[in-house]
N, C-alpha and C. Protein backbone atom coordinates (compact mmCIF):
# COMPACT_ATOMS: atom_id res chain seq x y z
N MET A 1 68.92 6.52 20.48
CA MET A 1 68.95 7.63 19.09
C MET A 1 68.21 8.74 19.27
N ILE A 2 67.08 9.14 19.69
CA ILE A 2 66.45 9.98 20.56
C ILE A 2 67.52 11.11 21.31
N ALA A 3 68.37 9.85 22.26
CA ALA A 3 68.96 10.68 23.05
C ALA A 3 70.10 11.15 23.11
N GLN A 4 70.66 10.63 21.65
CA GLN A 4 71.86 11.34 21.22
C GLN A 4 70.73 12.47 20.19
N THR A 5 70.21 12.29 19.10
CA THR A 5 69.47 13.52 19.34
C THR A 5 69.06 14.46 20.23
N LEU A 6 68.99 14.92 20.93
CA LEU A 6 68.25 15.88 22.10
C LEU A 6 69.97 16.17 22.32
N GLN A 7 71.03 15.37 22.23
CA GLN A 7 72.13 15.76 23.59
C GLN A 7 73.12 17.17 21.81
N ARG A 8 71.91 16.22 20.53
CA ARG A 8 72.75 17.36 20.04
C ARG A 8 72.39 19.20 19.65
N MET A 9 71.42 18.68 19.90
CA MET A 9 70.08 19.72 19.82
C MET A 9 70.89 21.10 21.17
N ASN A 10 70.53 22.07 20.41
CA ASN A 10 70.63 23.42 21.74
C ASN A 10 68.57 23.73 22.76
N ARG A 11 69.18 24.77 23.95
CA ARG A 11 67.87 24.79 23.90
C ARG A 11 67.03 25.02 24.11
N ARG A 12 67.11 25.94 23.29
CA ARG A 12 65.85 26.25 22.10
C ARG A 12 64.86 25.31 21.26
N GLU A 13 65.96 24.92 20.22
CA GLU A 13 65.44 23.71 19.66
C GLU A 13 64.87 22.33 19.94
N ARG A 14 65.85 21.84 21.58
CA ARG A 14 64.72 20.92 22.66
C ARG A 14 63.26 21.47 22.86
N ILE A 15 63.34 23.01 23.11
CA ILE A 15 61.62 23.19 23.77
C ILE A 15 60.73 23.73 22.02
N LEU A 16 60.90 23.93 20.97
CA LEU A 16 60.40 23.96 20.41
C LEU A 16 60.00 22.10 19.65
N GLY A 17 60.89 21.41 19.53
CA GLY A 17 60.78 20.41 19.31
C GLY A 17 59.73 19.40 20.63
N GLY A 18 60.17 19.54 21.56
CA GLY A 18 58.56 19.70 22.75
C GLY A 18 57.47 20.41 22.67
N LEU A 19 57.51 21.54 22.27
CA LEU A 19 56.21 22.15 21.39
C LEU A 19 55.91 21.55 20.91
N VAL A 20 56.64 21.32 19.74
CA VAL A 20 55.45 20.58 18.38
C VAL A 20 55.45 18.76 18.79
N ALA A 21 55.76 18.26 19.73
CA ALA A 21 55.29 17.10 19.88
C ALA A 21 53.79 17.05 21.37
N VAL A 22 54.19 17.87 21.45
CA VAL A 22 52.52 18.27 22.65
C VAL A 22 51.94 18.52 21.71
N VAL A 23 51.80 19.79 20.08
CA VAL A 23 50.23 20.08 19.49
C VAL A 23 50.61 18.05 18.81
N VAL A 24 51.57 18.60 18.70
CA VAL A 24 51.11 17.14 16.96
C VAL A 24 50.33 16.11 18.66
N PHE A 25 50.98 15.43 19.76
CA PHE A 25 50.04 15.38 20.55
C PHE A 25 49.07 14.77 20.91
N PHE A 26 48.65 17.05 21.52
CA PHE A 26 47.06 17.37 20.81
C PHE A 26 46.84 17.36 20.36
N LEU A 27 46.05 17.78 18.99
CA LEU A 27 46.33 17.30 17.43
C LEU A 27 45.28 15.98 17.67
N ALA A 28 46.76 14.65 17.83
CA ALA A 28 46.02 14.00 17.74
C ALA A 28 45.17 13.30 18.69
N ASN A 29 45.62 13.53 19.68
CA ASN A 29 44.20 13.43 21.02
C ASN A 29 42.47 14.44 20.43
N LEU A 30 42.49 14.93 19.38
CA LEU A 30 41.67 16.48 18.82
C LEU A 30 40.30 15.15 18.66
N PHE A 31 41.70 14.90 16.63
CA PHE A 31 41.38 14.30 16.09
C PHE A 31 40.46 12.64 16.62
N LEU A 32 41.64 11.69 17.35
CA LEU A 32 40.85 10.97 18.16
C LEU A 32 39.24 11.08 18.89
N TRP A 33 39.75 12.00 19.52
CA TRP A 33 37.99 12.00 20.90
C TRP A 33 37.48 12.30 19.60
N SER A 34 36.91 13.82 18.49
CA SER A 34 36.55 14.23 18.12
C SER A 34 35.39 12.48 17.32
N TRP A 35 36.75 12.02 17.01
CA TRP A 35 35.86 10.56 16.04
C TRP A 35 35.13 10.25 17.01
N LEU A 36 36.11 9.70 17.95
CA LEU A 36 35.42 8.89 19.11
C LEU A 36 33.90 9.28 19.50
N PHE A 37 33.74 11.10 19.39
CA PHE A 37 32.18 11.29 20.35
C PHE A 37 31.29 11.29 18.59
N HIS A 38 31.71 11.49 17.29
CA HIS A 38 31.20 11.37 16.58
C HIS A 38 30.22 9.61 16.00
N THR A 39 31.59 8.75 16.04
CA THR A 39 30.91 7.21 15.87
C THR A 39 30.20 7.33 17.52
N THR A 40 30.20 7.09 18.28
CA THR A 40 28.86 6.80 19.28
C THR A 40 27.58 8.15 18.92
N GLY A 41 28.05 9.51 18.85
CA GLY A 41 26.82 9.55 18.32
C GLY A 41 25.77 9.36 17.27
N ASP A 42 26.12 8.53 16.37
CA ASP A 42 26.11 8.16 15.19
C ASP A 42 24.66 6.44 15.71
N SER A 43 25.88 6.00 16.30
CA SER A 43 25.27 4.74 17.57
C SER A 43 24.18 5.02 18.31
N ARG A 44 24.63 5.80 18.37
CA ARG A 44 23.13 6.43 19.33
C ARG A 44 22.04 6.76 18.21
N ALA A 45 22.72 7.20 17.48
CA ALA A 45 21.15 7.22 16.74
C ALA A 45 20.71 6.71 15.88
N GLU A 46 21.52 5.56 15.16
CA GLU A 46 20.75 3.95 15.33
C GLU A 46 19.86 2.98 16.48
N VAL A 47 19.96 3.36 16.79
CA VAL A 47 19.66 2.56 18.89
C VAL A 47 18.62 3.12 18.40
N GLY A 48 18.67 4.99 18.76
CA GLY A 48 16.93 4.94 18.43
C GLY A 48 16.01 4.67 16.81
N LYS A 49 17.35 4.93 16.65
CA LYS A 49 16.17 4.56 14.92
C LYS A 49 15.99 3.39 14.75
N ARG A 50 16.66 2.46 15.38
CA ARG A 50 15.52 0.71 15.57
C ARG A 50 15.12 0.64 16.69
N LYS A 51 15.58 1.33 17.45
CA LYS A 51 14.36 1.44 18.99
C LYS A 51 12.50 1.40 17.86
N ARG A 52 12.66 2.85 17.34
CA ARG A 52 11.48 3.09 16.97
C ARG A 52 11.20 2.10 16.06
N GLN A 53 11.22 1.70 14.69
CA GLN A 53 11.05 0.68 13.72
C GLN A 53 10.66 -0.50 14.58
N HIS A 54 10.95 -1.26 16.05
CA HIS A 54 10.81 -1.95 16.13
C HIS A 54 9.68 -1.80 16.90
N THR A 55 8.88 -0.34 17.92
CA THR A 55 8.35 0.12 18.53
C THR A 55 7.37 0.11 17.57
N GLU A 56 6.99 0.53 15.81
CA GLU A 56 6.31 0.89 14.83
C GLU A 56 6.33 -0.92 14.17
N GLN A 57 6.69 -2.07 14.39
CA GLN A 57 6.98 -2.55 14.08
C GLN A 57 5.86 -4.07 14.88
N THR A 58 6.11 -3.95 16.05
CA THR A 58 4.87 -3.70 17.11
C THR A 58 4.07 -4.34 16.99
N ALA A 59 3.67 -2.72 16.58
CA ALA A 59 2.33 -1.80 16.44
C ALA A 59 1.93 -2.63 15.53
N LEU A 60 2.32 -2.18 14.18
CA LEU A 60 1.58 -3.24 13.24
C LEU A 60 1.58 -4.43 13.43
N LEU A 61 2.06 -5.52 14.42
CA LEU A 61 1.51 -6.92 14.56
C LEU A 61 0.92 -6.95 15.25
N ARG A 62 0.49 -5.38 16.59
CA ARG A 62 -0.43 -6.54 17.30
C ARG A 62 -1.57 -6.28 16.44
N GLU A 63 -1.24 -4.97 15.39
CA GLU A 63 -2.87 -4.52 14.60
C GLU A 63 -2.69 -5.07 13.43
N SER A 64 -2.14 -6.76 13.11
CA SER A 64 -3.16 -6.94 11.57
C SER A 64 -3.71 -7.73 11.55
N ASN A 65 -4.78 -7.73 13.09
CA ASN A 65 -5.99 -8.92 12.19
C ASN A 65 -6.81 -7.82 11.25
N LEU A 66 -6.48 -5.98 12.36
CA LEU A 66 -8.19 -4.75 11.88
C LEU A 66 -7.26 -4.64 10.10
N TRP A 67 -5.77 -4.85 10.59
CA TRP A 67 -5.37 -3.77 8.80
C TRP A 67 -5.46 -5.38 7.99
N THR A 68 -5.65 -6.58 8.14
CA THR A 68 -6.09 -7.33 7.43
C THR A 68 -7.75 -7.23 7.47
N ASN A 69 -8.24 -7.05 8.42
CA ASN A 69 -9.95 -6.75 8.27
C ASN A 69 -10.00 -4.90 7.26
N ARG A 70 -9.54 -4.07 6.69
CA ARG A 70 -9.70 -3.37 6.69
C ARG A 70 -9.78 -3.53 5.39
N ASP A 71 -8.32 -4.46 5.25
CA ASP A 71 -7.78 -4.60 3.66
C ASP A 71 -9.08 -5.52 2.80
N LYS A 72 -9.48 -5.94 3.52
CA LYS A 72 -10.47 -6.83 2.96
C LYS A 72 -11.80 -6.95 3.25
N TRP A 73 -12.06 -5.58 2.93
CA TRP A 73 -13.48 -4.56 3.48
C TRP A 73 -12.90 -3.89 2.13
N LEU A 74 -11.37 -3.08 1.94
CA LEU A 74 -11.55 -2.68 0.67
C LEU A 74 -11.88 -3.40 0.02
N ARG A 75 -11.16 -4.68 -0.26
CA ARG A 75 -11.65 -5.40 -1.52
C ARG A 75 -13.00 -5.93 -1.66
N GLU A 76 -13.25 -6.40 -0.83
CA GLU A 76 -15.00 -6.28 -1.03
C GLU A 76 -16.14 -5.38 -1.34
N HIS A 77 -15.38 -4.04 -1.47
CA HIS A 77 -16.66 -2.50 -1.23
C HIS A 77 -16.05 -1.80 -2.34
N GLN A 78 -13.65 -1.98 -2.26
CA GLN A 78 -13.98 -0.44 -3.97
C GLN A 78 -14.46 -1.43 -4.59
N PRO A 79 -15.13 -0.03 -5.70
CA PRO A 79 -15.66 -0.21 -6.34
C PRO A 79 -14.92 -0.49 -7.93
N ALA A 80 -14.99 -1.01 -8.78
CA ALA A 80 -14.16 -1.17 -10.87
C ALA A 80 -14.11 -0.20 -11.15
N PHE A 81 -13.24 -0.13 -12.14
CA PHE A 81 -12.73 1.27 -12.87
C PHE A 81 -13.66 0.22 -13.95
N HIS A 82 -13.94 0.89 -14.46
CA HIS A 82 -14.46 0.97 -15.79
C HIS A 82 -14.10 2.26 -17.16
N GLY A 83 -13.27 2.79 -17.05
CA GLY A 83 -12.96 3.95 -17.86
C GLY A 83 -13.56 5.29 -17.50
N ALA A 84 -13.65 5.74 -18.29
CA ALA A 84 -14.02 7.51 -18.72
C ALA A 84 -14.64 7.84 -18.58
N SER A 85 -15.95 6.72 -18.66
CA SER A 85 -17.36 6.93 -18.10
C SER A 85 -17.66 7.24 -16.76
N ASP A 86 -16.64 6.61 -16.22
CA ASP A 86 -16.84 7.10 -14.09
C ASP A 86 -16.73 8.41 -13.65
N ALA A 87 -16.07 9.06 -15.37
CA ALA A 87 -15.88 10.50 -14.14
C ALA A 87 -16.84 10.77 -14.82
N SER A 88 -18.00 11.58 -15.49
CA SER A 88 -19.70 11.37 -16.04
C SER A 88 -20.30 10.70 -14.67
N ALA A 89 -20.24 10.03 -14.21
CA ALA A 89 -21.55 9.28 -12.97
C ALA A 89 -20.72 9.88 -12.21
N LEU A 90 -19.52 10.66 -11.30
CA LEU A 90 -18.61 11.55 -10.50
C LEU A 90 -19.45 12.74 -10.68
N LEU A 91 -19.35 13.12 -11.83
CA LEU A 91 -19.79 13.73 -11.52
C LEU A 91 -21.50 14.43 -11.35
N ASP A 92 -22.37 12.37 -12.35
CA ASP A 92 -24.24 13.46 -11.66
C ASP A 92 -24.01 12.63 -10.25
N GLN A 93 -23.51 12.55 -9.67
CA GLN A 93 -24.00 11.90 -8.42
C GLN A 93 -23.51 13.35 -7.23
N LEU A 94 -22.15 14.12 -7.99
CA LEU A 94 -22.12 14.90 -7.02
C LEU A 94 -23.69 16.09 -7.67
N LYS A 95 -23.95 16.55 -8.41
CA LYS A 95 -25.17 16.59 -9.04
C LYS A 95 -25.84 16.13 -7.64
N GLN A 96 -26.63 15.79 -7.67
CA GLN A 96 -27.63 14.45 -7.40
C GLN A 96 -27.29 14.67 -4.90
N VAL A 97 -26.40 14.86 -5.34
CA VAL A 97 -26.24 15.30 -3.62
C VAL A 97 -25.99 16.45 -3.84
N ALA A 98 -25.59 18.22 -4.78
CA ALA A 98 -26.03 19.06 -4.64
C ALA A 98 -27.26 19.41 -4.52
N GLY A 99 -28.15 18.70 -4.75
CA GLY A 99 -29.45 18.98 -5.54
C GLY A 99 -30.23 18.87 -3.85
N LYS A 100 -29.97 17.76 -3.46
CA LYS A 100 -30.62 16.62 -3.09
C LYS A 100 -30.34 18.21 -1.49
N TYR A 101 -29.21 19.30 -1.39
CA TYR A 101 -29.39 20.05 -0.06
C TYR A 101 -28.98 21.61 -0.83
N ASN A 102 -29.64 21.45 -2.43
CA ASN A 102 -29.88 23.17 -2.60
C ASN A 102 -28.80 23.80 -3.05
N VAL A 103 -27.39 23.02 -3.44
CA VAL A 103 -26.54 23.97 -3.59
C VAL A 103 -26.07 23.27 -5.04
N LEU A 104 -25.70 25.02 -5.43
CA LEU A 104 -25.43 24.91 -7.05
C LEU A 104 -24.43 24.83 -7.13
N ILE A 105 -24.28 23.87 -8.45
CA ILE A 105 -23.00 23.59 -8.48
C ILE A 105 -22.61 24.36 -9.85
N GLU A 106 -21.23 24.96 -10.39
CA GLU A 106 -20.93 26.06 -11.35
C GLU A 106 -19.57 25.39 -11.60
N ASN A 107 -18.94 25.96 -13.88
CA ASN A 107 -18.61 25.40 -13.77
C ASN A 107 -18.17 24.21 -14.00
N PRO A 108 -18.31 23.04 -13.48
CA PRO A 108 -18.03 22.06 -13.49
C PRO A 108 -17.83 21.07 -15.18
N ALA A 109 -16.02 20.71 -14.09
CA ALA A 109 -14.89 19.80 -15.69
C ALA A 109 -14.12 18.48 -14.87
N ILE A 110 -14.38 17.66 -15.82
CA ILE A 110 -14.05 16.45 -15.50
C ILE A 110 -12.58 15.95 -16.03
N GLY A 111 -12.18 15.62 -15.15
CA GLY A 111 -10.52 15.71 -14.88
C GLY A 111 -9.42 14.29 -15.44
N PRO A 112 -8.82 14.64 -15.63
CA PRO A 112 -8.05 12.94 -16.01
C PRO A 112 -7.77 12.21 -14.82
N SER A 113 -8.34 10.21 -15.62
CA SER A 113 -7.86 9.64 -14.46
C SER A 113 -6.31 9.25 -14.65
N ALA A 114 -6.10 9.06 -13.42
CA ALA A 114 -4.62 8.95 -12.64
C ALA A 114 -4.79 7.11 -11.96
N GLY A 115 -3.94 7.38 -11.80
CA GLY A 115 -4.26 5.34 -11.56
C GLY A 115 -2.01 5.20 -10.45
N THR A 116 -2.38 4.54 -9.08
CA THR A 116 -1.42 4.16 -8.47
C THR A 116 -1.40 3.38 -8.16
N GLY A 117 -0.70 2.17 -7.06
CA GLY A 117 -0.70 0.89 -6.87
C GLY A 117 -1.60 -0.02 -6.96
N ASN A 118 -1.93 1.45 -5.60
CA ASN A 118 -3.01 1.41 -4.79
C ASN A 118 -4.60 1.53 -5.01
N TYR A 119 -5.01 2.56 -6.07
CA TYR A 119 -6.12 2.35 -6.05
C TYR A 119 -5.80 2.84 -8.05
N GLN A 120 -6.72 3.27 -8.15
CA GLN A 120 -7.64 4.44 -9.66
C GLN A 120 -8.10 5.18 -9.65
N SER A 121 -7.83 6.26 -9.97
CA SER A 121 -9.19 7.65 -9.86
C SER A 121 -9.06 8.51 -11.07
N VAL A 122 -10.27 9.58 -10.79
CA VAL A 122 -11.38 9.83 -11.92
C VAL A 122 -11.22 11.24 -11.21
N SER A 123 -11.34 12.17 -11.24
CA SER A 123 -11.21 13.25 -10.94
C SER A 123 -12.51 14.29 -11.65
N VAL A 124 -13.63 15.13 -10.70
CA VAL A 124 -14.06 16.14 -12.05
C VAL A 124 -13.80 17.95 -10.62
N SER A 125 -13.86 18.49 -11.46
CA SER A 125 -13.61 19.72 -10.29
C SER A 125 -14.57 20.68 -10.74
N ILE A 126 -15.23 21.26 -9.25
CA ILE A 126 -16.36 21.99 -9.61
C ILE A 126 -16.71 23.43 -8.56
N GLU A 127 -17.40 24.23 -9.34
CA GLU A 127 -17.89 25.37 -7.65
C GLU A 127 -18.51 26.14 -7.31
N THR A 128 -19.39 26.37 -5.96
CA THR A 128 -20.63 25.79 -5.64
C THR A 128 -20.72 27.14 -4.49
N LYS A 129 -22.23 27.41 -4.57
CA LYS A 129 -22.69 28.02 -4.78
C LYS A 129 -23.24 28.18 -3.80
N SER A 130 -23.84 28.22 -2.06
CA SER A 130 -24.68 28.10 -1.05
C SER A 130 -24.79 28.07 0.10
N GLN A 131 -25.47 28.02 1.09
CA GLN A 131 -25.13 28.96 2.28
C GLN A 131 -24.56 28.00 2.83
N TRP A 132 -23.97 28.55 4.13
CA TRP A 132 -22.84 28.02 4.97
C TRP A 132 -23.82 26.14 5.32
N PRO A 133 -25.13 26.11 6.21
CA PRO A 133 -25.51 24.87 6.69
C PRO A 133 -25.63 23.78 5.41
N PRO A 134 -26.18 24.48 4.13
CA PRO A 134 -26.61 23.33 2.89
C PRO A 134 -24.56 22.82 1.94
N LEU A 135 -24.15 23.74 2.42
CA LEU A 135 -23.30 23.25 1.86
C LEU A 135 -21.44 22.47 2.68
N VAL A 136 -22.46 22.05 4.04
CA VAL A 136 -21.40 21.03 5.42
C VAL A 136 -22.25 20.52 4.90
N HIS A 137 -24.28 20.00 4.60
CA HIS A 137 -24.64 18.36 4.62
C HIS A 137 -23.31 18.00 2.80
N PHE A 138 -23.86 19.05 2.52
CA PHE A 138 -23.24 18.74 0.93
C PHE A 138 -21.45 16.77 1.06
N LEU A 139 -21.08 18.82 2.10
CA LEU A 139 -19.57 17.74 2.19
C LEU A 139 -19.58 16.83 2.46
N TYR A 140 -20.87 17.26 4.03
CA TYR A 140 -20.38 15.09 4.33
C TYR A 140 -20.99 14.59 3.39
N ASP A 141 -21.88 14.72 3.12
CA ASP A 141 -22.80 13.10 2.31
C ASP A 141 -21.56 12.94 1.08
N VAL A 142 -20.83 13.62 0.66
CA VAL A 142 -19.59 13.84 -0.04
C VAL A 142 -18.65 11.85 0.38
N GLN A 143 -18.20 12.82 1.54
CA GLN A 143 -17.21 11.88 2.12
C GLN A 143 -17.24 10.53 2.67
N ALA A 144 -18.19 10.33 2.48
CA ALA A 144 -18.94 9.37 2.46
C ALA A 144 -18.37 7.61 3.00
N PRO A 145 -17.89 6.70 3.85
CA PRO A 145 -16.48 6.04 3.88
C PRO A 145 -16.97 5.28 2.51
N ASP A 146 -18.43 4.83 2.98
CA ASP A 146 -17.84 3.50 1.37
C ASP A 146 -17.93 4.62 -0.19
N ALA A 147 -18.26 6.09 0.26
CA ALA A 147 -18.35 6.38 -1.37
C ALA A 147 -16.82 6.03 -1.98
N PHE A 148 -15.51 6.51 -1.82
CA PHE A 148 -14.88 6.36 -1.73
C PHE A 148 -13.85 7.71 -2.98
N MET A 149 -14.67 8.51 -2.85
CA MET A 149 -14.59 9.91 -3.05
C MET A 149 -14.13 10.57 -1.66
N VAL A 150 -12.54 11.72 -2.57
CA VAL A 150 -11.74 12.08 -1.28
C VAL A 150 -11.79 14.33 -2.58
N PHE A 151 -11.13 14.85 -1.74
CA PHE A 151 -11.06 16.28 -2.16
C PHE A 151 -9.73 16.74 -1.59
N GLU A 152 -9.51 16.66 -3.27
CA GLU A 152 -7.99 16.74 -3.71
C GLU A 152 -7.82 18.52 -3.67
N SER A 153 -8.56 18.82 -3.86
CA SER A 153 -8.45 20.51 -2.84
C SER A 153 -9.65 20.49 -2.65
N ALA A 154 -9.58 21.94 -2.03
CA ALA A 154 -11.89 23.24 -1.53
C ALA A 154 -10.51 23.72 -0.99
N ASN A 155 -11.15 24.98 -1.60
CA ASN A 155 -11.30 26.35 -0.87
C ASN A 155 -12.67 27.38 -0.89
N ILE A 156 -12.92 27.10 0.28
CA ILE A 156 -14.14 27.51 0.73
C ILE A 156 -13.89 29.48 1.11
N ALA A 157 -15.01 30.17 0.43
CA ALA A 157 -15.11 31.33 1.66
C ALA A 157 -16.24 31.71 0.76
N ILE A 158 -16.87 33.37 1.68
CA ILE A 158 -17.79 34.59 1.55
C ILE A 158 -17.75 34.62 0.38
N ASP A 159 -19.06 34.79 -0.20
CA ASP A 159 -19.46 35.22 -1.79
C ASP A 159 -18.98 36.94 -1.22
N SER A 160 -18.24 37.36 -2.23
CA SER A 160 -18.18 39.22 -1.59
C SER A 160 -19.70 39.10 -2.33
N SER A 161 -20.46 38.91 -2.83
CA SER A 161 -21.70 39.88 -3.10
C SER A 161 -22.49 39.43 -2.57
N ASP A 162 -22.59 39.15 -1.79
CA ASP A 162 -23.51 38.45 -1.04
C ASP A 162 -23.03 37.85 0.17
N PRO A 163 -23.13 38.47 1.83
CA PRO A 163 -22.30 37.69 2.58
C PRO A 163 -23.00 36.60 3.03
N THR A 164 -24.76 36.40 2.99
CA THR A 164 -25.53 35.05 3.17
C THR A 164 -24.82 33.40 2.36
N GLN A 165 -23.91 34.02 1.30
CA GLN A 165 -23.33 32.80 0.77
C GLN A 165 -22.17 32.30 0.44
N MET A 166 -22.48 31.38 0.30
CA MET A 166 -21.16 30.70 0.76
C MET A 166 -20.22 29.96 -1.12
N ARG A 167 -19.22 30.37 -1.34
CA ARG A 167 -18.53 29.58 -3.22
C ARG A 167 -17.45 29.43 -2.68
N GLY A 168 -17.45 27.78 -3.16
CA GLY A 168 -16.49 26.80 -3.22
C GLY A 168 -15.13 26.66 -4.02
N LYS A 169 -13.94 25.84 -4.92
CA LYS A 169 -14.37 25.89 -5.56
C LYS A 169 -13.65 23.75 -5.18
N PHE A 170 -13.50 23.48 -6.10
CA PHE A 170 -13.32 21.73 -5.05
C PHE A 170 -12.83 20.51 -6.23
N LYS A 171 -11.93 19.93 -6.18
CA LYS A 171 -11.05 19.18 -7.31
C LYS A 171 -11.15 17.54 -6.26
N ILE A 172 -12.50 16.80 -7.06
CA ILE A 172 -13.46 15.86 -5.76
C ILE A 172 -13.03 14.63 -7.05
N ALA A 173 -12.34 13.40 -6.24
CA ALA A 173 -11.36 12.26 -7.41
C ALA A 173 -12.55 11.10 -6.73
N ARG A 174 -12.27 10.51 -7.55
CA ARG A 174 -13.21 8.88 -6.64
C ARG A 174 -12.24 8.28 -6.80
N TRP A 175 -12.19 6.86 -6.13
CA TRP A 175 -11.10 6.11 -6.04
C TRP A 175 -11.73 4.15 -5.94
N TYR A 176 -10.88 4.47 -7.36
CA TYR A 176 -11.87 2.43 -7.62
C TYR A 176 -10.31 1.85 -7.12
N ALA A 177 -10.85 0.47 -7.01
CA ALA A 177 -9.91 -0.93 -7.11
C ALA A 177 -9.07 -0.89 -8.57
N PRO A 178 -7.72 -1.39 -8.10
CA PRO A 178 -6.26 -0.63 -9.01
C PRO A 178 -6.53 -1.78 -10.39
N ALA A 179 -5.83 -1.46 -11.35
CA ALA A 179 -6.31 -2.41 -12.10
C ALA A 179 -6.41 -4.46 -12.41
N THR A 180 -5.16 -4.36 -10.94
CA THR A 180 -4.97 -5.32 -10.95
C THR A 180 -5.55 -5.96 -9.75
N ALA A 181 -6.06 -5.05 -8.90
CA ALA A 181 -7.08 -5.75 -8.15
C ALA A 181 -8.03 -6.90 -8.61
N VAL A 182 -8.20 -8.37 -7.66
CA VAL A 182 -9.14 -8.82 -8.59
C VAL A 182 -10.21 -9.78 -7.15
N LYS A 183 -11.21 -9.56 -7.21
CA LYS A 183 -12.51 -9.64 -6.29
C LYS A 183 -12.88 -10.67 -6.47
């Protein structure tokens, strides 16, 4: 059937038919190889992803005792949330630490309480004025690991009116045990 069709064609039609066949063959190969390379690349990316996951899971399994002990320590030491009064207690605690180092607290503001599955928090926004060394000591004492205090935002700059003084704007939160946690 193909031989009969070729015999009925003149020379130009055969050349044109051959060119069309070559182009179709080339495009089919191009599509096939493109698909193969794309699939191979996706497979390699998936293998890499799974290797990374395996490495992470191996590290987590290797360190499971560490994380179990840390979780136990958190459950034992993280304070319980008692409501809005905790925000004023946080502000009083910050004033006490600031007084210890002669750090002046200005414009204190109590923020709303927020919660996630891992913690319940209250926040306080303050502005400070002090020399650099007392401010460093204040920041160090506030961030003690067992205090469960976090600087959600911090902005420290040299006071424009007195270059020996530092001005700080801080939003400090204290993290409490989640409402569902049982000690």
